[in-house]
């Protein structure tokens, strides 16, 4: 049974920071690429960033590049999303996902967490 558990969400003022964590159990974490997505009310789930199995390669969409940083600690079976300079439009439920390849395509991720709410006030 694979489990991904996100934490670290919450309420923050615009310009603030949060660090999300995603703890993985039931699979060899280091064998998988990890991605983060988010979903705002009434919107599609949106890809944000991915990181390769070793952590050596990352990719971000333009709207979060320079503000968000994705990292992973394979020894701890944990991935992280550091989010700085948060904006009200970043308000969403944030999800981590595991897949065999690092891709922007949501359907190619096999395992998902339950999500953590991030709310940014103006």
Protein backbone atom coordinates (compact mmCIF):
# COMPACT_ATOMS: atom_id res chain seq x y z
CA UNK A 1 0.00 0.00 0.00
CA UNK A 2 1.56 3.25 -1.14
CA UNK A 3 0.89 6.29 0.97
CA UNK A 4 1.81 9.88 0.29
CA UNK A 5 1.06 12.28 3.13
CA UNK A 6 1.41 16.01 2.60
CA UNK A 7 1.77 18.51 5.39
CA UNK A 8 2.82 22.09 5.91
CA UNK A 9 -0.10 23.92 4.41
CA UNK A 10 -1.88 26.75 6.17
CA UNK A 11 -2.82 30.40 6.09
CA UNK A 12 -0.15 32.93 5.24
CA UNK A 13 -0.08 36.58 4.23
CA UNK A 14 0.97 37.63 0.76
CA UNK A 15 4.73 37.72 0.52
CA UNK A 16 5.11 34.99 3.11
CA UNK A 17 6.55 31.50 2.86
CA UNK A 18 5.52 27.93 3.51
CA UNK A 19 7.29 24.62 3.13
CA UNK A 20 5.21 21.64 2.15
CA UNK A 21 6.38 18.11 2.88
CA UNK A 22 5.35 14.85 1.28
CA UNK A 23 6.25 11.68 3.17
CA UNK A 24 6.11 8.48 1.14
CA UNK A 25 5.71 4.93 2.44
CA UNK A 26 5.13 1.56 0.82
CA UNK A 27 7.43 2.12 -2.17
CA UNK A 28 11.10 2.73 -2.80
CA UNK A 29 10.88 6.50 -2.92
CA UNK A 30 14.23 6.88 -4.68
CA UNK A 31 12.93 4.93 -7.67
CA UNK A 32 10.30 7.53 -8.52
CA UNK A 33 10.05 11.02 -9.88
CA UNK A 34 7.98 13.38 -7.78
CA UNK A 35 5.74 16.23 -8.80
CA UNK A 36 3.57 18.83 -7.16
CA UNK A 37 0.21 19.96 -8.45
CA UNK A 38 -2.40 22.31 -7.11
CA UNK A 39 -6.11 22.75 -7.55
CA UNK A 40 -8.00 25.94 -6.86
CA UNK A 41 -11.79 25.91 -6.42
CA UNK A 42 -13.54 25.52 -9.75
CA UNK A 43 -10.29 24.96 -11.64
CA UNK A 44 -8.45 22.02 -13.12
CA UNK A 45 -5.59 20.43 -11.21
CA UNK A 46 -2.49 22.29 -12.34
CA UNK A 47 1.04 20.95 -12.68
CA UNK A 48 3.64 23.05 -10.83
CA UNK A 49 6.99 21.29 -10.78
CA UNK A 50 8.73 17.94 -10.93
CA UNK A 51 11.99 16.49 -9.68
CA UNK A 52 13.84 13.43 -10.92
CA UNK A 53 14.53 10.38 -8.80
CA UNK A 54 18.01 11.57 -7.82
CA UNK A 55 17.02 15.16 -7.23
CA UNK A 56 19.50 16.36 -9.84
CA UNK A 57 16.90 17.66 -12.27
CA UNK A 58 13.93 19.91 -11.66
CA UNK A 59 11.40 21.71 -13.78
CA UNK A 60 8.97 24.49 -12.88
CA UNK A 61 6.18 26.25 -14.66
CA UNK A 62 6.81 29.92 -15.29
CA UNK A 63 4.35 31.21 -12.70
CA UNK A 64 6.26 29.61 -9.81
CA UNK A 65 9.81 29.65 -11.17
CA UNK A 66 12.06 31.63 -8.88
CA UNK A 67 9.55 31.50 -6.02
CA UNK A 68 9.09 27.74 -5.46
CA UNK A 69 11.86 25.21 -4.94
CA UNK A 70 11.38 21.46 -5.11
CA UNK A 71 13.77 19.13 -3.31
CA UNK A 72 13.86 15.62 -1.96
CA UNK A 73 15.62 13.59 0.70
CA UNK A 74 15.59 9.97 -0.41
CA UNK A 75 17.01 8.81 2.92
CA UNK A 76 13.91 10.24 4.62
CA UNK A 77 11.44 9.22 1.89
CA UNK A 78 10.35 12.84 1.79
CA UNK A 79 9.89 15.50 -0.85
CA UNK A 80 9.62 19.20 -0.17
CA UNK A 81 8.13 22.23 -1.86
CA UNK A 82 9.52 25.48 -0.51
CA UNK A 83 7.21 28.33 -1.48
CA UNK A 84 8.36 31.92 -1.11
CA UNK A 85 6.80 35.25 -2.00
CA UNK A 86 3.36 33.71 -1.94
CA UNK A 87 0.53 35.48 -3.73
CA UNK A 88 -3.25 35.26 -3.26
CA UNK A 89 -3.46 33.44 -6.60
CA UNK A 90 -1.38 30.64 -5.09
CA UNK A 91 -4.35 29.72 -2.90
CA UNK A 92 -5.25 26.08 -3.64
CA UNK A 93 -5.05 22.54 -2.41
CA UNK A 94 -1.55 21.25 -3.09
CA UNK A 95 -0.87 17.64 -4.01
CA UNK A 96 2.29 15.59 -4.33
CA UNK A 97 2.48 12.71 -6.76
CA UNK A 98 4.88 9.90 -7.69
CA UNK A 99 5.52 8.52 -11.11
CA UNK A 100 8.04 6.47 -13.03
CA UNK A 101 9.04 9.46 -15.14
CA UNK A 102 9.24 13.18 -14.50
CA UNK A 103 6.53 14.71 -16.63
CA UNK A 104 3.95 17.48 -16.66
CA UNK A 105 1.22 15.00 -17.56
CA UNK A 106 -1.07 14.41 -14.59
CA UNK A 107 -2.31 11.05 -15.86
CA UNK A 108 1.18 9.56 -15.81
CA UNK A 109 1.51 9.86 -12.06
CA UNK A 110 0.58 6.65 -10.31
CA UNK A 111 0.31 7.71 -6.70
CA UNK A 112 -1.15 10.81 -5.07
CA UNK A 113 -1.38 12.36 -1.67
CA UNK A 114 -4.58 13.62 -0.11
CA UNK A 115 -3.66 17.28 -0.50
CA UNK A 116 -2.92 20.13 1.86
CA UNK A 117 -4.66 23.50 1.79
CA UNK A 118 -2.65 26.64 1.21
CA UNK A 119 -4.44 29.95 1.66
CA UNK A 120 -2.72 33.24 0.94
CA UNK A 121 -4.40 36.39 2.19
CA UNK A 122 -3.88 39.78 0.59
